């Protein structure tokens, strides 16, 4: 599934809900679908700066694709990182780096988050893209 197809799928999933309480509940459901993170990956290096809650993000190359795993101590935040991983994990670093994540605006995520969660969302995206840049540069040596 392409990046655009995946984003479109998420937009359609969120459009099934009439209000934001239902959408928050859906984010909570997504948090339960996130695979368990290996405790050894819950390091200071994997902690995302700029999030009010603790969010760990681990990345590793599998072939030519960058695969992410994450966890958070806050359930909504965990749902948000699960959503980002759904879209971006398993893609080439160059694709992640260049990704236009329009689904975030389409589903109204940013404007329905508290300012601190919204800042955290930006921090998560920045960290994911920073990993993509770092792995892409590693591959070019």
N, C-alpha and C. Protein backbone atom coordinates (compact mmCIF):
# COMPACT_ATOMS: atom_id res chain seq x y z
N UNK A 1 0.84 -1.18 0.00
CA UNK A 1 0.00 0.00 0.00
C UNK A 1 0.89 1.25 0.00
N UNK A 2 0.59 2.19 -0.89
CA UNK A 2 1.40 3.41 -0.95
C UNK A 2 1.12 4.29 0.26
N UNK A 3 1.97 5.27 0.45
CA UNK A 3 1.81 6.24 1.53
C UNK A 3 0.46 6.96 1.40
N UNK A 4 0.14 7.39 0.19
CA UNK A 4 -1.14 8.08 -0.02
C UNK A 4 -2.33 7.17 0.24
N UNK A 5 -2.25 5.93 -0.21
CA UNK A 5 -3.34 4.98 0.03
C UNK A 5 -3.56 4.75 1.52
N UNK A 6 -2.45 4.64 2.26
CA UNK A 6 -2.54 4.42 3.70
C UNK A 6 -3.18 5.64 4.38
N UNK A 7 -2.76 6.83 3.98
CA UNK A 7 -3.34 8.04 4.56
C UNK A 7 -4.82 8.14 4.24
N UNK A 8 -5.19 7.79 3.00
CA UNK A 8 -6.59 7.84 2.59
C UNK A 8 -7.42 6.85 3.42
N UNK A 9 -6.85 5.68 3.68
CA UNK A 9 -7.53 4.68 4.49
C UNK A 9 -7.81 5.22 5.90
N UNK A 10 -6.83 5.90 6.48
CA UNK A 10 -7.00 6.47 7.82
C UNK A 10 -8.05 7.58 7.81
N UNK A 11 -8.02 8.42 6.78
CA UNK A 11 -9.03 9.49 6.65
C UNK A 11 -10.43 8.87 6.61
N UNK A 12 -10.58 7.80 5.83
CA UNK A 12 -11.88 7.12 5.74
C UNK A 12 -12.29 6.51 7.08
N UNK A 13 -11.33 5.88 7.77
CA UNK A 13 -11.64 5.29 9.08
C UNK A 13 -12.13 6.36 10.05
N UNK A 14 -11.45 7.49 10.10
CA UNK A 14 -11.83 8.56 11.03
C UNK A 14 -13.14 9.24 10.61
N UNK A 15 -13.46 9.21 9.33
CA UNK A 15 -14.70 9.86 8.87
C UNK A 15 -15.95 9.09 9.33
N UNK A 16 -15.75 7.86 9.77
CA UNK A 16 -16.89 7.06 10.26
C UNK A 16 -17.39 7.55 11.61
N UNK A 17 -16.57 8.34 12.30
CA UNK A 17 -16.93 8.82 13.64
C UNK A 17 -17.47 10.23 13.56
N UNK A 18 -18.57 10.46 14.29
CA UNK A 18 -19.23 11.76 14.23
C UNK A 18 -18.58 12.81 15.12
N UNK A 19 -18.10 12.40 16.28
CA UNK A 19 -17.52 13.41 17.17
C UNK A 19 -16.14 12.98 17.66
N UNK A 20 -15.48 13.93 18.31
CA UNK A 20 -14.11 13.67 18.70
C UNK A 20 -13.97 12.70 19.86
N UNK A 21 -15.01 12.52 20.65
CA UNK A 21 -14.92 11.51 21.71
C UNK A 21 -14.77 10.12 21.07
N UNK A 22 -15.53 9.88 20.01
CA UNK A 22 -15.42 8.60 19.30
C UNK A 22 -14.04 8.45 18.66
N UNK A 23 -13.51 9.55 18.14
CA UNK A 23 -12.18 9.51 17.52
C UNK A 23 -11.10 9.26 18.57
N UNK A 24 -11.26 9.86 19.76
CA UNK A 24 -10.31 9.58 20.84
C UNK A 24 -10.38 8.11 21.23
N UNK A 25 -11.59 7.57 21.30
CA UNK A 25 -11.74 6.15 21.62
C UNK A 25 -11.06 5.28 20.57
N UNK A 26 -11.13 5.70 19.32
CA UNK A 26 -10.47 4.97 18.24
C UNK A 26 -8.95 5.04 18.41
N UNK A 27 -8.43 6.21 18.80
CA UNK A 27 -6.99 6.33 19.06
C UNK A 27 -6.57 5.39 20.19
N UNK A 28 -7.42 5.29 21.21
CA UNK A 28 -7.14 4.38 22.33
C UNK A 28 -7.10 2.93 21.83
N UNK A 29 -8.04 2.58 20.94
CA UNK A 29 -8.03 1.24 20.34
C UNK A 29 -6.72 0.99 19.60
N UNK A 30 -6.29 1.99 18.82
CA UNK A 30 -5.05 1.85 18.06
C UNK A 30 -3.85 1.63 18.99
N UNK A 31 -3.90 2.27 20.16
CA UNK A 31 -2.79 2.11 21.11
C UNK A 31 -2.67 0.66 21.56
N UNK A 32 -3.81 -0.04 21.62
CA UNK A 32 -3.78 -1.45 22.04
C UNK A 32 -3.20 -2.34 20.94
N UNK A 33 -3.27 -1.88 19.69
CA UNK A 33 -2.77 -2.66 18.56
C UNK A 33 -1.26 -2.53 18.36
N UNK A 34 -0.66 -1.54 19.04
CA UNK A 34 0.77 -1.32 18.89
C UNK A 34 1.53 -2.50 19.51
N UNK A 35 2.42 -3.12 18.74
CA UNK A 35 3.17 -4.25 19.31
C UNK A 35 3.97 -3.83 20.53
N UNK A 36 4.10 -4.73 21.46
CA UNK A 36 4.86 -4.49 22.69
C UNK A 36 6.28 -4.06 22.33
N UNK A 37 6.76 -3.05 23.01
CA UNK A 37 8.13 -2.58 22.76
C UNK A 37 9.08 -3.30 23.71
N UNK A 38 10.20 -3.74 23.16
CA UNK A 38 11.23 -4.40 23.96
C UNK A 38 11.71 -3.41 25.02
N UNK A 39 11.63 -3.79 26.30
CA UNK A 39 12.04 -2.88 27.38
C UNK A 39 13.46 -2.33 27.21
N UNK A 40 14.35 -3.08 26.57
CA UNK A 40 15.72 -2.60 26.38
C UNK A 40 15.78 -1.42 25.39
N UNK A 41 14.70 -1.20 24.62
CA UNK A 41 14.65 -0.07 23.70
C UNK A 41 14.05 1.19 24.35
N UNK A 42 13.61 1.06 25.60
CA UNK A 42 13.06 2.22 26.31
C UNK A 42 14.21 2.97 26.98
N UNK A 43 15.05 3.55 26.14
CA UNK A 43 16.23 4.26 26.61
C UNK A 43 16.04 5.76 26.49
N UNK A 44 16.93 6.48 27.13
CA UNK A 44 16.92 7.95 27.04
C UNK A 44 17.08 8.40 25.58
N UNK A 45 17.92 7.69 24.83
CA UNK A 45 18.14 8.03 23.42
C UNK A 45 16.88 7.90 22.58
N UNK A 46 16.02 6.97 22.94
CA UNK A 46 14.78 6.73 22.19
C UNK A 46 13.60 7.56 22.70
N UNK A 47 13.82 8.32 23.74
CA UNK A 47 12.76 9.17 24.30
C UNK A 47 12.61 10.40 23.41
N UNK A 48 11.39 10.73 23.05
CA UNK A 48 11.15 11.89 22.18
C UNK A 48 11.07 13.15 23.03
N UNK A 49 11.97 14.08 22.75
CA UNK A 49 11.96 15.37 23.44
C UNK A 49 10.79 16.21 22.92
N UNK A 50 10.14 16.93 23.82
CA UNK A 50 9.06 17.80 23.40
C UNK A 50 7.68 17.22 23.65
N UNK A 51 7.62 16.00 24.14
CA UNK A 51 6.34 15.39 24.49
C UNK A 51 6.15 15.52 25.99
N UNK A 52 4.94 15.87 26.39
CA UNK A 52 4.65 15.98 27.81
C UNK A 52 4.70 14.60 28.47
N UNK A 53 4.12 13.62 27.80
CA UNK A 53 4.20 12.25 28.32
C UNK A 53 5.47 11.61 27.76
N UNK A 54 5.81 10.47 28.31
CA UNK A 54 6.98 9.76 27.81
C UNK A 54 6.59 8.99 26.55
N UNK A 55 7.37 9.20 25.49
CA UNK A 55 7.16 8.47 24.24
C UNK A 55 8.53 7.98 23.78
N UNK A 56 8.62 6.68 23.62
CA UNK A 56 9.86 6.08 23.12
C UNK A 56 9.64 5.66 21.68
N UNK A 57 10.64 5.91 20.85
CA UNK A 57 10.56 5.52 19.45
C UNK A 57 11.87 4.85 19.07
N UNK A 58 11.77 3.62 18.62
CA UNK A 58 12.94 2.85 18.19
C UNK A 58 12.82 2.62 16.69
N UNK A 59 13.95 2.77 15.99
CA UNK A 59 13.96 2.56 14.54
C UNK A 59 15.09 1.62 14.17
N UNK A 60 14.83 0.79 13.19
CA UNK A 60 15.90 -0.05 12.65
C UNK A 60 15.61 -0.36 11.20
N UNK A 61 16.68 -0.55 10.46
CA UNK A 61 16.54 -0.90 9.05
C UNK A 61 16.28 -2.40 8.94
N UNK A 62 15.32 -2.74 8.10
CA UNK A 62 15.08 -4.14 7.73
C UNK A 62 15.11 -4.15 6.22
N UNK A 63 16.22 -4.62 5.68
CA UNK A 63 16.44 -4.51 4.24
C UNK A 63 16.64 -3.04 3.91
N UNK A 64 15.84 -2.53 2.97
CA UNK A 64 15.95 -1.11 2.62
C UNK A 64 14.81 -0.28 3.23
N UNK A 65 14.09 -0.89 4.18
CA UNK A 65 12.95 -0.22 4.82
C UNK A 65 13.27 0.10 6.28
N UNK A 66 12.73 1.22 6.72
CA UNK A 66 12.89 1.65 8.11
C UNK A 66 11.65 1.22 8.89
N UNK A 67 11.88 0.48 9.95
CA UNK A 67 10.77 -0.05 10.75
C UNK A 67 10.81 0.57 12.14
N UNK A 68 9.64 1.05 12.57
CA UNK A 68 9.54 1.71 13.86
C UNK A 68 8.77 0.88 14.86
N UNK A 69 9.14 1.06 16.11
CA UNK A 69 8.40 0.49 17.23
C UNK A 69 8.35 1.60 18.28
N UNK A 70 7.24 1.69 18.99
CA UNK A 70 7.10 2.79 19.95
C UNK A 70 6.26 2.37 21.13
N UNK A 71 6.33 3.20 22.16
CA UNK A 71 5.49 3.02 23.34
C UNK A 71 5.34 4.38 24.01
N UNK A 72 4.31 4.50 24.83
CA UNK A 72 4.11 5.72 25.59
C UNK A 72 3.44 5.37 26.91
N UNK A 73 3.64 6.23 27.89
CA UNK A 73 2.99 6.02 29.18
C UNK A 73 1.60 6.67 29.22
N UNK A 74 1.20 7.32 28.12
CA UNK A 74 -0.13 7.94 28.03
C UNK A 74 -0.89 7.31 26.87
N UNK A 75 -2.11 6.90 27.12
CA UNK A 75 -2.87 6.09 26.17
C UNK A 75 -3.20 6.83 24.86
N UNK A 76 -3.61 8.09 24.94
CA UNK A 76 -3.92 8.85 23.71
C UNK A 76 -2.64 9.07 22.91
N UNK A 77 -1.58 9.43 23.60
CA UNK A 77 -0.29 9.65 22.94
C UNK A 77 0.18 8.37 22.27
N UNK A 78 -0.04 7.25 22.93
CA UNK A 78 0.33 5.96 22.35
C UNK A 78 -0.49 5.70 21.08
N UNK A 79 -1.75 6.10 21.09
CA UNK A 79 -2.59 5.98 19.89
C UNK A 79 -2.09 6.84 18.75
N UNK A 80 -1.62 8.04 19.10
CA UNK A 80 -1.11 8.96 18.07
C UNK A 80 0.16 8.40 17.44
N UNK A 81 1.08 7.91 18.25
CA UNK A 81 2.32 7.35 17.69
C UNK A 81 2.00 6.07 16.91
N UNK A 82 1.00 5.31 17.34
CA UNK A 82 0.57 4.11 16.60
C UNK A 82 0.08 4.50 15.21
N UNK A 83 -0.65 5.60 15.14
CA UNK A 83 -1.17 6.10 13.86
C UNK A 83 -0.01 6.49 12.94
N UNK A 84 0.96 7.19 13.48
CA UNK A 84 2.12 7.60 12.67
C UNK A 84 2.91 6.38 12.18
N UNK A 85 3.06 5.40 13.06
CA UNK A 85 3.78 4.18 12.68
C UNK A 85 3.02 3.43 11.59
N UNK A 86 1.69 3.40 11.71
CA UNK A 86 0.88 2.74 10.67
C UNK A 86 1.20 3.31 9.30
N UNK A 87 1.37 4.62 9.23
CA UNK A 87 1.60 5.30 7.96
C UNK A 87 3.05 5.18 7.50
N UNK A 88 4.00 5.32 8.43
CA UNK A 88 5.40 5.51 8.03
C UNK A 88 6.31 4.30 8.20
N UNK A 89 5.98 3.37 9.06
CA UNK A 89 6.86 2.23 9.28
C UNK A 89 6.86 1.31 8.06
N UNK A 90 8.03 0.74 7.77
CA UNK A 90 8.13 -0.20 6.65
C UNK A 90 8.29 0.49 5.32
N UNK A 91 8.76 1.73 5.34
CA UNK A 91 8.99 2.49 4.11
C UNK A 91 10.47 2.85 4.01
N UNK A 92 10.88 3.22 2.80
CA UNK A 92 12.27 3.65 2.59
C UNK A 92 12.49 4.99 3.29
N UNK A 93 13.69 5.19 3.85
CA UNK A 93 13.97 6.45 4.53
C UNK A 93 13.67 7.70 3.68
N UNK A 94 13.99 7.64 2.38
CA UNK A 94 13.74 8.79 1.51
C UNK A 94 12.24 9.11 1.44
N UNK A 95 11.41 8.06 1.41
CA UNK A 95 9.96 8.24 1.35
C UNK A 95 9.44 8.86 2.66
N UNK A 96 9.98 8.41 3.78
CA UNK A 96 9.58 8.94 5.09
C UNK A 96 9.99 10.41 5.19
N UNK A 97 11.21 10.69 4.78
CA UNK A 97 11.76 12.04 4.87
C UNK A 97 10.92 13.03 4.06
N UNK A 98 10.45 12.60 2.89
CA UNK A 98 9.71 13.47 1.98
C UNK A 98 8.20 13.46 2.24
N UNK A 99 7.74 12.60 3.14
CA UNK A 99 6.29 12.39 3.33
C UNK A 99 5.55 13.68 3.71
N UNK A 100 4.46 13.91 3.01
CA UNK A 100 3.54 14.98 3.35
C UNK A 100 2.39 14.31 4.11
N UNK A 101 2.36 14.51 5.41
CA UNK A 101 1.38 13.80 6.25
C UNK A 101 0.08 14.60 6.34
N UNK A 102 -0.59 14.70 5.20
CA UNK A 102 -1.82 15.49 5.12
C UNK A 102 -2.98 14.87 5.89
N UNK A 103 -2.90 13.58 6.19
CA UNK A 103 -4.01 12.94 6.91
C UNK A 103 -4.24 13.59 8.27
N UNK A 104 -3.19 14.14 8.88
CA UNK A 104 -3.31 14.75 10.20
C UNK A 104 -4.29 15.91 10.17
N UNK A 105 -4.17 16.76 9.14
CA UNK A 105 -5.11 17.88 9.00
C UNK A 105 -6.48 17.39 8.55
N UNK A 106 -6.49 16.43 7.64
CA UNK A 106 -7.76 15.91 7.10
C UNK A 106 -8.66 15.33 8.20
N UNK A 107 -8.07 14.64 9.16
CA UNK A 107 -8.89 14.05 10.23
C UNK A 107 -9.11 15.02 11.38
N UNK A 108 -8.46 16.20 11.30
CA UNK A 108 -8.64 17.22 12.34
C UNK A 108 -7.88 16.91 13.62
N UNK A 109 -6.83 16.13 13.50
CA UNK A 109 -6.11 15.70 14.71
C UNK A 109 -5.49 16.87 15.46
N UNK A 110 -4.74 17.70 14.75
CA UNK A 110 -4.01 18.77 15.44
C UNK A 110 -4.93 19.72 16.20
N UNK A 111 -6.02 20.14 15.55
CA UNK A 111 -6.89 21.11 16.22
C UNK A 111 -7.73 20.51 17.34
N UNK A 112 -7.77 19.20 17.44
CA UNK A 112 -8.52 18.56 18.51
C UNK A 112 -7.63 18.01 19.62
N UNK A 113 -6.36 18.38 19.57
CA UNK A 113 -5.44 17.99 20.64
C UNK A 113 -5.16 19.23 21.49
N UNK A 114 -4.82 18.99 22.73
CA UNK A 114 -4.39 20.09 23.59
C UNK A 114 -3.10 20.64 23.00
N UNK A 115 -2.74 21.89 23.31
CA UNK A 115 -1.49 22.44 22.77
C UNK A 115 -0.26 21.58 23.09
N UNK A 116 -0.22 21.00 24.30
CA UNK A 116 0.95 20.18 24.64
C UNK A 116 0.98 18.89 23.81
N UNK A 117 -0.19 18.29 23.59
CA UNK A 117 -0.24 17.08 22.74
C UNK A 117 0.08 17.42 21.29
N UNK A 118 -0.39 18.58 20.85
CA UNK A 118 -0.12 19.01 19.48
C UNK A 118 1.38 19.22 19.29
N UNK A 119 2.04 19.82 20.26
CA UNK A 119 3.50 19.97 20.22
C UNK A 119 4.17 18.60 20.22
N UNK A 120 3.62 17.68 21.00
CA UNK A 120 4.16 16.32 21.04
C UNK A 120 4.04 15.62 19.70
N UNK A 121 2.91 15.84 19.01
CA UNK A 121 2.70 15.26 17.68
C UNK A 121 3.79 15.75 16.72
N UNK A 122 4.05 17.05 16.75
CA UNK A 122 5.10 17.62 15.90
C UNK A 122 6.46 17.02 16.27
N UNK A 123 6.72 16.87 17.56
CA UNK A 123 7.99 16.28 18.01
C UNK A 123 8.12 14.83 17.52
N UNK A 124 7.02 14.07 17.55
CA UNK A 124 7.05 12.68 17.07
C UNK A 124 7.39 12.63 15.58
N UNK A 125 6.73 13.48 14.80
CA UNK A 125 6.98 13.52 13.36
C UNK A 125 8.43 13.91 13.09
N UNK A 126 8.91 14.92 13.81
CA UNK A 126 10.29 15.36 13.62
C UNK A 126 11.29 14.26 13.94
N UNK A 127 11.02 13.49 15.00
CA UNK A 127 11.92 12.39 15.40
C UNK A 127 11.91 11.29 14.34
N UNK A 128 10.72 10.95 13.84
CA UNK A 128 10.61 9.92 12.80
C UNK A 128 11.40 10.35 11.56
N UNK A 129 11.22 11.61 11.16
CA UNK A 129 11.92 12.11 9.97
C UNK A 129 13.42 12.22 10.22
N UNK A 130 13.82 12.54 11.46
CA UNK A 130 15.25 12.60 11.79
C UNK A 130 15.88 11.22 11.66
N UNK A 131 15.17 10.18 12.11
CA UNK A 131 15.66 8.82 11.93
C UNK A 131 15.83 8.51 10.44
N UNK A 132 14.84 8.92 9.64
CA UNK A 132 14.89 8.65 8.20
C UNK A 132 16.11 9.32 7.57
N UNK A 133 16.37 10.56 7.94
CA UNK A 133 17.54 11.28 7.42
C UNK A 133 18.82 10.57 7.83
N UNK A 134 18.91 10.20 9.11
CA UNK A 134 20.12 9.55 9.62
C UNK A 134 20.36 8.21 8.90
N UNK A 135 19.32 7.40 8.74
CA UNK A 135 19.49 6.10 8.09
C UNK A 135 19.76 6.26 6.60
N UNK A 136 19.17 7.29 5.99
CA UNK A 136 19.42 7.52 4.58
C UNK A 136 20.89 7.91 4.38
N UNK A 137 21.42 8.75 5.25
CA UNK A 137 22.82 9.16 5.16
C UNK A 137 23.76 7.99 5.41
N UNK A 138 23.39 7.12 6.36
CA UNK A 138 24.20 5.92 6.62
C UNK A 138 24.30 5.05 5.37
N UNK A 139 23.20 4.95 4.66
CA UNK A 139 23.14 4.12 3.46
C UNK A 139 23.95 4.68 2.31
N UNK A 140 24.25 5.98 2.37
CA UNK A 140 24.98 6.62 1.28
C UNK A 140 26.49 6.61 1.48
N UNK A 141 26.98 5.91 2.50
CA UNK A 141 28.42 5.89 2.75
C UNK A 141 29.04 4.63 2.22
